Amino acid sequence: MTTNAIKNINTQVLPQPIRYLPDQNGFFGNYGGQFIPPELKPKFDQLTEQFYSILDDEDFLRELTDLLVNYVGRPSPLYLARRLSEHLKSLIYLKREDLNHTGAHKINNTIGQILMARRMGYREIIAETGAGQHGVATATAAALMGMECKIFMGRKDYQRQFLNVKRMEMLGAEVIAVEQGNGSLKDAVDAALGYFIENPKAYYLIGSVVGPHPYPTIVRFFQSVIGSEARQQILIHENSLPDYVFAAIGGGSNAIGIFSAFIDDQQVSLIAGEGAGLGIDNEKNAATLNLGEEMIFQGMRTLTLTDTQGNPRPSYSIAAGLDYPGIGPEHAHLRDTGRVKYLPITDDQATQAFKILARLEGIIPAMESAHGVAAAIQTLKGNPGKLAIINISGRGDKDVERIK
């Protein structure tokens, strides 16, 4: 993105200029790439060309920022959590993505991609969803633009996130429950990719920093508004960068969104909490960055949970949005370089963090976000006097019936 393209735009709410691009083949270090059937290559070439063209398109960026401000409700607040700060004996700020329209960070990306899809002439939008927040955000954007919308959702997630199923249907989307596999996010992605291959007139609006190039870079760009805002806000509030930035991680979009603004700042520790389920000493987890093996998975080379035969194995997490056996390729690269630390967070730890935030701050986080809160609690307990930001990527209405 050039300076000229943004000179007349409100830069308070704008994704960051892209500083970290994959190589010409779409790789971040050893991870990424574009492993797709030959018949999809023209579509991906068109998508790549369109994405890089919008980075210097003032009209596109102006429309994007207008919708982010006046429709989504950005900038989201950076809130000083006083009682949580007292509890952890540190200064804790919460980046309130739960206050966005639709209740999560996912809307940042769906608004950006729906504008691209419209420019490319698409009229049908498809998407995958686990927790349902990306599905709701996609259905919302499609309704806004008057487009048809199909959402693929694993049967298990369809049942445990039924509130979001009803929200998607109210917005006019067709929600397709995927029966194959173990009924989780991986199976929804597989089904969406299959439909995408067979229906060339559909635009696949991927919800996380996963999949074939250029999707990881596209989603990171549209989510980088989280980090761009958070960096400006913490400097205004404290005249200092934080010691820590925490986020939850499944595929990785909210984490890369907030981390992107701080990657160059070596004094800022970046920590993400991933779904360790029942623990990393058994297979009932989604701790890909701690346990995964390198392989080609869903159109990219990345880390993936595998069975004893080296095939992708089912994942598990109490948080549907983290119940995914792969990871975004940029996160795999950041793990290898050591720039980001990825902590395994069990269901019990996340549930306890969920309750702590609700009872200390009156904020009910998504169970996904609670993994980021748990990572902060684990890191800061006994390590007082720190300045930290926790990304609250979504609200927890969808999860309250399942918390005991």
Protein backbone atom coordinates (compact mmCIF):
# COMPACT_ATOMS: atom_id res chain seq x y z
CA MET A 1 0.00 0.00 0.00
CA THR A 2 1.46 3.36 -0.98
CA THR A 3 1.25 6.66 0.84
CA ASN A 4 -0.59 8.21 -2.10
CA ALA A 5 -3.35 5.65 -1.88
CA ILE A 6 -4.23 6.60 1.69
CA LYS A 7 -3.51 10.32 1.75
CA ASN A 8 -7.21 11.29 1.77
CA ILE A 9 -8.47 8.46 3.99
CA ASN A 10 -9.06 8.28 7.75
CA THR A 11 -5.99 6.23 8.67
CA GLN A 12 -7.17 5.68 12.24
CA VAL A 13 -9.21 2.77 10.90
CA LEU A 14 -7.22 1.19 8.10
CA PRO A 15 -5.43 -2.13 7.70
CA GLN A 16 -1.66 -1.81 7.92
CA PRO A 17 0.49 -1.36 4.83
CA ILE A 18 1.84 -4.80 3.98
CA ARG A 19 5.43 -5.16 5.14
CA TYR A 20 5.72 -8.94 5.32
CA LEU A 21 4.93 -10.65 2.05
CA PRO A 22 5.42 -14.31 1.28
CA ASP A 23 7.86 -15.09 -1.52
CA GLN A 24 6.70 -15.22 -5.15
CA ASN A 25 5.40 -18.76 -4.62
CA GLY A 26 3.43 -17.82 -1.52
CA PHE A 27 5.78 -19.24 1.12
CA PHE A 28 6.60 -17.89 4.58
CA GLY A 29 9.87 -19.71 5.14
CA ASN A 30 9.05 -23.40 4.71
CA TYR A 31 5.30 -22.91 4.89
CA GLY A 32 2.54 -21.77 2.56
CA GLY A 33 2.41 -22.15 -1.20
CA GLN A 34 -0.43 -22.95 -3.52
CA PHE A 35 -1.24 -26.66 -3.82
CA ILE A 36 -4.41 -26.66 -5.92
CA PRO A 37 -5.92 -28.52 -8.89
CA PRO A 38 -4.80 -27.06 -12.25
CA GLU A 39 -8.35 -25.98 -13.10
CA LEU A 40 -8.31 -23.57 -10.14
CA LYS A 41 -5.08 -21.83 -11.16
CA PRO A 42 -6.78 -19.14 -13.31
CA LYS A 43 -9.13 -18.25 -10.43
CA PHE A 44 -6.24 -17.92 -8.00
CA ASP A 45 -4.23 -15.86 -10.48
CA GLN A 46 -7.19 -13.50 -10.83
CA LEU A 47 -7.62 -13.33 -7.05
CA THR A 48 -3.93 -12.55 -6.53
CA GLU A 49 -3.97 -9.81 -9.15
CA GLN A 50 -7.14 -8.30 -7.70
CA PHE A 51 -5.80 -8.32 -4.14
CA TYR A 52 -2.55 -6.57 -4.93
CA SER A 53 -4.40 -4.02 -7.07
CA ILE A 54 -6.68 -2.92 -4.21
CA LEU A 55 -3.71 -2.06 -2.00
CA ASP A 56 -3.12 1.06 -4.10
CA ASP A 57 -6.75 1.81 -4.93
CA GLU A 58 -7.92 4.88 -3.03
CA ASP A 59 -11.58 4.34 -3.92
CA PHE A 60 -11.52 0.77 -2.58
CA LEU A 61 -9.75 1.76 0.62
CA ARG A 62 -12.12 4.67 1.20
CA GLU A 63 -15.18 2.42 0.83
CA LEU A 64 -13.57 -0.19 3.10
CA THR A 65 -12.80 2.31 5.85
CA ASP A 66 -16.25 3.90 5.57
CA LEU A 67 -17.85 0.50 6.20
CA LEU A 68 -15.42 -0.34 9.00
CA VAL A 69 -16.31 2.91 10.76
CA ASN A 70 -20.01 3.31 10.05
CA TYR A 71 -21.15 -0.31 9.69
CA VAL A 72 -18.75 -2.40 11.76
CA GLY A 73 -18.26 0.24 14.45
CA ARG A 74 -14.48 0.64 14.38
CA PRO A 75 -12.21 1.54 16.00
CA SER A 76 -12.93 -1.01 18.71
CA PRO A 77 -11.99 0.25 22.19
CA LEU A 78 -8.80 -0.59 24.06
CA TYR A 79 -10.22 -0.99 27.55
CA LEU A 80 -8.25 -0.85 30.82
CA ALA A 81 -9.41 -3.92 32.76
CA ARG A 82 -8.89 -2.56 36.27
CA ARG A 83 -10.07 -5.55 38.31
CA LEU A 84 -8.25 -8.07 36.11
CA SER A 85 -5.17 -5.84 36.40
CA GLU A 86 -5.45 -5.91 40.18
CA HIS A 87 -5.92 -9.69 40.09
CA LEU A 88 -2.74 -10.19 38.03
CA LYS A 89 -0.80 -7.27 39.58
CA SER A 90 -0.11 -5.89 36.12
CA LEU A 91 -1.69 -3.32 33.81
CA ILE A 92 -4.03 -5.19 31.46
CA TYR A 93 -5.81 -3.70 28.46
CA LEU A 94 -8.44 -5.58 26.45
CA LYS A 95 -8.79 -5.03 22.70
CA ARG A 96 -12.58 -5.22 22.42
CA GLU A 97 -13.22 -6.98 19.10
CA ASP A 98 -16.30 -8.45 20.78
CA LEU A 99 -17.93 -5.03 20.36
CA ASN A 100 -17.80 -5.14 16.55
CA HIS A 101 -21.02 -5.62 14.60
CA THR A 102 -21.78 -9.40 14.68
CA GLY A 103 -19.72 -9.77 17.88
CA ALA A 104 -16.27 -10.78 16.69
CA HIS A 105 -13.21 -9.85 14.65
CA LYS A 106 -14.40 -11.92 11.67
CA ILE A 107 -16.39 -9.02 10.19
CA ASN A 108 -13.16 -7.10 9.41
CA ASN A 109 -12.17 -9.74 6.87
CA THR A 110 -15.61 -10.49 5.42
CA ILE A 111 -16.26 -6.84 4.63
CA GLY A 112 -12.90 -6.57 2.85
CA GLN A 113 -13.29 -9.78 0.87
CA ILE A 114 -16.93 -9.13 -0.07
CA LEU A 115 -15.85 -5.84 -1.63
CA MET A 116 -13.20 -7.71 -3.62
CA ALA A 117 -15.70 -10.37 -4.69
CA ARG A 118 -18.11 -7.69 -5.91
CA ARG A 119 -15.36 -6.03 -7.95
CA MET A 120 -14.55 -9.40 -9.52
CA GLY A 121 -18.17 -9.93 -10.56
CA TYR A 122 -19.12 -12.76 -8.20
CA ARG A 123 -22.73 -13.14 -7.03
CA GLU A 124 -22.46 -16.28 -4.88
CA ILE A 125 -20.37 -16.42 -1.69
CA ILE A 126 -19.36 -19.60 0.12
CA ALA A 127 -17.58 -19.97 3.44
CA GLU A 128 -16.65 -22.44 6.15
CA THR A 129 -17.26 -21.87 9.85
CA GLY A 130 -16.56 -23.60 13.14
CA ALA A 131 -17.72 -21.44 16.03
CA GLY A 132 -20.16 -19.78 13.65
CA GLN A 133 -18.75 -16.27 13.99
CA HIS A 134 -17.16 -16.29 10.52
CA GLY A 135 -20.34 -17.75 9.12
CA VAL A 136 -22.43 -15.00 10.71
CA ALA A 137 -19.99 -12.34 9.49
CA THR A 138 -20.02 -13.78 5.95
CA ALA A 139 -23.82 -14.00 5.90
CA THR A 140 -23.96 -10.41 7.16
CA ALA A 141 -21.63 -9.12 4.43
CA ALA A 142 -23.49 -11.09 1.76
CA ALA A 143 -26.83 -9.66 2.90
CA LEU A 144 -25.32 -6.17 2.83
CA MET A 145 -24.21 -6.66 -0.77
CA GLY A 146 -27.29 -8.59 -1.93
CA MET A 147 -25.39 -11.81 -2.71
CA GLU A 148 -26.33 -15.46 -2.34
CA CYS A 149 -24.51 -17.21 0.49
CA LYS A 150 -23.78 -20.83 1.46
CA ILE A 151 -22.08 -21.66 4.77
CA PHE A 152 -20.52 -25.08 5.39
CA MET A 153 -20.44 -26.19 9.00
CA GLY A 154 -19.45 -29.53 10.55
CA ARG A 155 -22.35 -31.43 12.07
CA LYS A 156 -20.82 -31.31 15.57
CA ASP A 157 -20.36 -27.54 15.34
CA TYR A 158 -23.84 -27.14 13.82
CA GLN A 159 -25.25 -28.70 16.98
CA ARG A 160 -23.07 -27.00 19.59
CA GLN A 161 -23.28 -23.55 17.98
CA PHE A 162 -26.95 -23.65 17.00
CA LEU A 163 -27.55 -20.02 18.03
CA ASN A 164 -25.19 -18.91 15.28
CA VAL A 165 -26.85 -21.31 12.81
CA LYS A 166 -30.15 -19.50 13.40
CA ARG A 167 -28.45 -16.11 13.03
CA MET A 168 -26.98 -17.13 9.65
CA GLU A 169 -30.35 -18.38 8.45
CA MET A 170 -32.04 -15.16 9.55
CA LEU A 171 -29.52 -13.26 7.43
CA GLY A 172 -30.55 -15.29 4.37
CA ALA A 173 -27.69 -17.79 4.21
CA GLU A 174 -28.09 -21.50 3.50
CA VAL A 175 -26.27 -23.41 6.26
CA ILE A 176 -25.04 -26.83 5.13
CA ALA A 177 -24.27 -29.32 7.91
CA VAL A 178 -21.29 -31.46 6.86
CA GLU A 179 -21.63 -35.10 7.94
CA GLN A 180 -18.18 -36.35 6.93
CA GLY A 181 -15.24 -36.70 9.30
CA ASN A 182 -15.73 -35.77 12.94
CA GLY A 183 -18.03 -32.85 12.11
CA SER A 184 -15.62 -30.03 12.94
CA LEU A 185 -13.97 -27.07 11.21
CA LYS A 186 -11.58 -29.20 9.12
CA ASP A 187 -14.54 -31.03 7.58
CA ALA A 188 -16.32 -27.75 6.84
CA VAL A 189 -13.20 -26.49 5.01
CA ASP A 190 -12.95 -29.74 3.03
CA ALA A 191 -16.60 -29.45 1.96
CA ALA A 192 -16.27 -25.77 1.03
CA LEU A 193 -13.15 -26.48 -1.03
CA GLY A 194 -14.99 -29.28 -2.84
CA TYR A 195 -17.89 -26.99 -3.69
CA PHE A 196 -15.46 -24.27 -4.78
CA ILE A 197 -13.77 -26.64 -7.24
CA GLU A 198 -17.08 -27.77 -8.73
CA ASN A 199 -18.70 -24.31 -8.91
CA PRO A 200 -16.40 -21.82 -10.65
CA LYS A 201 -18.91 -18.98 -10.31
CA ALA A 202 -18.69 -19.05 -6.49
CA TYR A 203 -16.27 -16.92 -4.46
CA TYR A 204 -14.74 -18.73 -1.47
CA LEU A 205 -14.50 -16.27 1.40
CA ILE A 206 -11.95 -18.00 3.66
CA GLY A 207 -12.19 -16.94 7.29
CA SER A 208 -8.67 -17.45 8.60
CA VAL A 209 -5.04 -17.09 7.54
CA VAL A 210 -5.06 -20.57 6.00
CA GLY A 211 -5.42 -22.19 2.60
CA PRO A 212 -3.59 -21.69 -0.68
CA HIS A 213 -1.76 -18.45 -1.48
CA PRO A 214 -2.89 -15.62 -1.53
CA TYR A 215 -5.59 -16.27 1.13
CA PRO A 216 -3.26 -16.16 4.18
CA THR A 217 -1.99 -12.74 3.07
CA ILE A 218 -5.45 -11.44 2.17
CA VAL A 219 -6.96 -12.35 5.55
CA ARG A 220 -3.92 -11.02 7.43
CA PHE A 221 -4.23 -7.70 5.61
CA PHE A 222 -7.90 -7.20 6.45
CA GLN A 223 -7.38 -8.28 10.09
CA SER A 224 -4.28 -6.09 10.56
CA VAL A 225 -6.63 -3.23 11.45
CA ILE A 226 -6.79 -4.80 14.94
CA GLY A 227 -3.07 -4.37 15.52
CA SER A 228 -2.92 -1.00 13.79
CA GLU A 229 -5.55 0.39 16.16
CA ALA A 230 -4.17 -1.33 19.26
CA ARG A 231 -0.70 0.10 18.67
CA GLN A 232 -2.02 3.65 18.30
CA GLN A 233 -4.30 3.24 21.32
CA ILE A 234 -1.71 1.86 23.76
CA LEU A 235 0.69 4.67 22.86
CA ILE A 236 -2.05 7.21 23.57
CA HIS A 237 -3.06 5.55 26.86
CA GLU A 238 0.39 4.69 28.23
CA ASN A 239 2.91 6.43 25.97
CA SER A 240 4.60 3.05 25.77
CA LEU A 241 4.47 -0.20 23.87
CA PRO A 242 3.24 -3.21 25.87
CA ASP A 243 5.47 -5.85 27.36
CA TYR A 244 3.08 -8.55 26.13
CA VAL A 245 0.36 -9.03 23.54
CA PHE A 246 -1.87 -12.09 23.97
CA ALA A 247 -4.38 -13.73 21.62
CA ALA A 248 -6.11 -17.05 21.04
CA ILE A 249 -5.21 -19.14 18.02
CA GLY A 250 -7.02 -21.71 15.90
CA GLY A 251 -6.36 -21.00 12.24
CA GLY A 252 -4.79 -17.74 13.35
CA SER A 253 -6.61 -14.67 12.01
CA ASN A 254 -7.24 -12.69 15.19
CA ALA A 255 -3.74 -13.48 16.45
CA ILE A 256 -1.94 -12.41 13.28
CA GLY A 257 -4.26 -9.39 13.12
CA ILE A 258 -3.04 -7.98 16.42
CA PHE A 259 0.52 -9.36 16.27
CA SER A 260 1.17 -7.81 12.85
CA ALA A 261 1.64 -4.33 14.33
CA PHE A 262 4.24 -5.47 16.88
CA ILE A 263 6.38 -8.02 15.01
CA ASP A 264 9.24 -5.53 14.50
CA ASP A 265 9.23 -4.57 18.19
CA GLN A 266 11.48 -7.20 19.72
CA GLN A 267 10.81 -5.84 23.22
CA VAL A 268 7.13 -6.87 22.87
CA SER A 269 6.53 -10.54 23.65
CA LEU A 270 3.82 -12.08 21.45
CA ILE A 271 2.00 -15.05 22.97
CA ALA A 272 -0.94 -17.08 21.62
CA GLY A 273 -2.99 -19.69 23.46
CA GLU A 274 -4.02 -22.70 21.38
CA GLY A 275 -6.55 -25.38 22.22
CA ALA A 276 -4.90 -28.14 24.24
CA GLY A 277 -8.28 -29.75 24.94
CA LEU A 278 -7.80 -32.52 27.51
CA GLY A 279 -4.00 -32.10 27.41
CA ILE A 280 -1.09 -32.49 25.02
CA ASP A 281 -0.26 -35.96 26.36
CA ASN A 282 -3.20 -37.48 24.43
CA GLU A 283 -4.94 -36.93 21.10
CA LYS A 284 -7.90 -34.99 22.49
CA ASN A 285 -6.42 -31.59 21.62
CA ALA A 286 -5.88 -29.04 18.85
CA ALA A 287 -2.33 -28.06 19.84
CA THR A 288 -0.95 -27.94 16.29
CA LEU A 289 1.91 -25.55 16.98
CA ASN A 290 3.16 -27.73 19.82
CA LEU A 291 2.55 -31.14 18.29
CA GLY A 292 2.09 -30.71 14.53
CA GLU A 293 4.16 -32.17 11.70
CA GLU A 294 5.00 -30.45 8.42
CA MET A 295 2.86 -31.60 5.48
CA ILE A 296 0.63 -30.40 2.64
CA PHE A 297 -2.86 -29.79 4.02
CA GLN A 298 -5.86 -28.03 2.45
CA GLY A 299 -3.85 -26.35 -0.29
CA MET A 300 -0.84 -25.23 1.78
CA ARG A 301 2.30 -26.64 3.34
CA THR A 302 1.93 -26.17 7.07
CA LEU A 303 1.99 -27.88 10.45
CA THR A 304 -0.76 -30.44 10.94
CA LEU A 305 -1.76 -32.84 13.68
CA THR A 306 -1.10 -36.36 12.39
CA ASP A 307 -1.83 -39.94 13.35
CA THR A 308 0.71 -42.79 13.56
CA GLN A 309 0.49 -43.24 9.76
CA GLY A 310 1.32 -39.59 9.12
CA ASN A 311 -2.21 -38.63 8.04
CA PRO A 312 -4.15 -35.64 9.44
CA ARG A 313 -5.96 -36.72 12.60
CA PRO A 314 -9.11 -35.28 14.16
CA SER A 315 -8.57 -32.37 16.52
CA TYR A 316 -10.49 -31.51 19.68
CA SER A 317 -11.13 -28.32 21.65
CA ILE A 318 -13.97 -27.05 23.78
CA ALA A 319 -13.80 -23.96 21.52
CA ALA A 320 -15.27 -24.80 18.11
CA GLY A 321 -13.22 -22.06 16.41
CA LEU A 322 -9.97 -23.62 17.66
CA ASP A 323 -10.98 -27.20 16.81
CA TYR A 324 -8.76 -27.40 13.71
CA PRO A 325 -5.78 -29.72 13.07
CA GLY A 326 -3.83 -27.25 10.90
CA ILE A 327 -2.50 -23.71 11.27
CA GLY A 328 -1.86 -20.66 9.13
CA PRO A 329 1.55 -20.92 7.41
CA GLU A 330 2.76 -17.57 8.72
CA HIS A 331 2.18 -18.75 12.28
CA ALA A 332 4.18 -21.92 11.58
CA HIS A 333 7.00 -19.69 10.34
CA LEU A 334 6.75 -17.40 13.39
CA ARG A 335 6.97 -20.47 15.62
CA ASP A 336 10.13 -21.64 13.84
CA THR A 337 11.76 -18.22 14.14
CA GLY A 338 10.79 -17.95 17.80
CA ARG A 339 9.12 -14.56 17.34
CA VAL A 340 5.80 -15.82 18.75
CA LYS A 341 5.35 -18.23 21.66
CA TYR A 342 2.41 -20.62 21.39
CA LEU A 343 1.08 -21.95 24.72
CA PRO A 344 -1.16 -25.03 24.97
CA ILE A 345 -4.28 -24.11 26.97
CA THR A 346 -6.52 -26.90 28.24
CA ASP A 347 -10.31 -26.79 28.29
CA ASP A 348 -10.24 -26.42 32.06
CA GLN A 349 -7.80 -23.49 31.93
CA ALA A 350 -9.88 -21.75 29.26
CA THR A 351 -13.12 -22.31 31.19
CA GLN A 352 -11.58 -20.85 34.33
CA ALA A 353 -10.33 -17.81 32.39
CA PHE A 354 -13.82 -17.41 30.86
CA LYS A 355 -15.31 -17.22 34.36
CA ILE A 356 -12.60 -14.91 35.72
CA LEU A 357 -13.12 -12.32 32.99
CA ALA A 358 -16.90 -12.51 33.33
CA ARG A 359 -16.86 -12.07 37.08
CA LEU A 360 -14.07 -9.50 37.36
CA GLU A 361 -14.92 -7.31 34.36
CA GLY A 362 -18.51 -8.09 33.40
CA ILE A 363 -17.28 -9.21 29.98
CA ILE A 364 -18.30 -12.66 28.72
CA PRO A 365 -15.68 -13.65 26.12
CA ALA A 366 -15.99 -16.24 23.40
CA MET A 367 -14.52 -19.54 24.54
CA GLU A 368 -11.94 -19.03 21.80
CA SER A 369 -10.92 -15.67 23.30
CA ALA A 370 -10.78 -17.24 26.76
CA HIS A 371 -7.74 -19.19 25.58
CA GLY A 372 -5.93 -15.87 25.10
CA VAL A 373 -7.03 -14.74 28.56
CA ALA A 374 -5.76 -18.03 29.99
CA ALA A 375 -2.40 -17.54 28.26
CA ALA A 376 -2.15 -14.11 29.93
CA ILE A 377 -3.06 -15.52 33.36
CA GLN A 378 -0.51 -18.31 32.98
CA THR A 379 2.23 -15.89 31.90
CA LEU A 380 1.59 -13.00 34.29
CA LYS A 381 0.79 -14.88 37.50
CA GLY A 382 3.91 -14.44 39.60
CA ASN A 383 5.36 -12.04 37.01
CA PRO A 384 3.93 -8.69 38.19
CA GLY A 385 4.31 -5.14 36.99
CA LYS A 386 3.85 -5.76 33.26
CA LEU A 387 1.88 -3.85 30.61
CA ALA A 388 -0.18 -6.19 28.46
CA ILE A 389 -2.89 -6.29 25.78
CA ILE A 390 -5.26 -9.24 25.44
CA ASN A 391 -7.21 -9.52 22.20
CA ILE A 392 -10.84 -10.37 23.05
CA SER A 393 -11.67 -11.65 19.59
CA GLY A 394 -15.36 -12.31 20.19
CA ARG A 395 -18.21 -12.39 22.67
CA GLY A 396 -19.43 -15.50 24.42
CA ASP A 397 -23.21 -15.55 23.94
CA LYS A 398 -22.82 -18.69 21.86
CA ASP A 399 -20.94 -20.52 24.63
CA VAL A 400 -22.78 -19.75 27.86
CA GLU A 401 -25.09 -22.79 27.73
CA ARG A 402 -22.09 -25.11 27.61
CA ILE A 403 -20.21 -23.67 30.60
CA LYS A 404 -20.70 -25.52 33.87
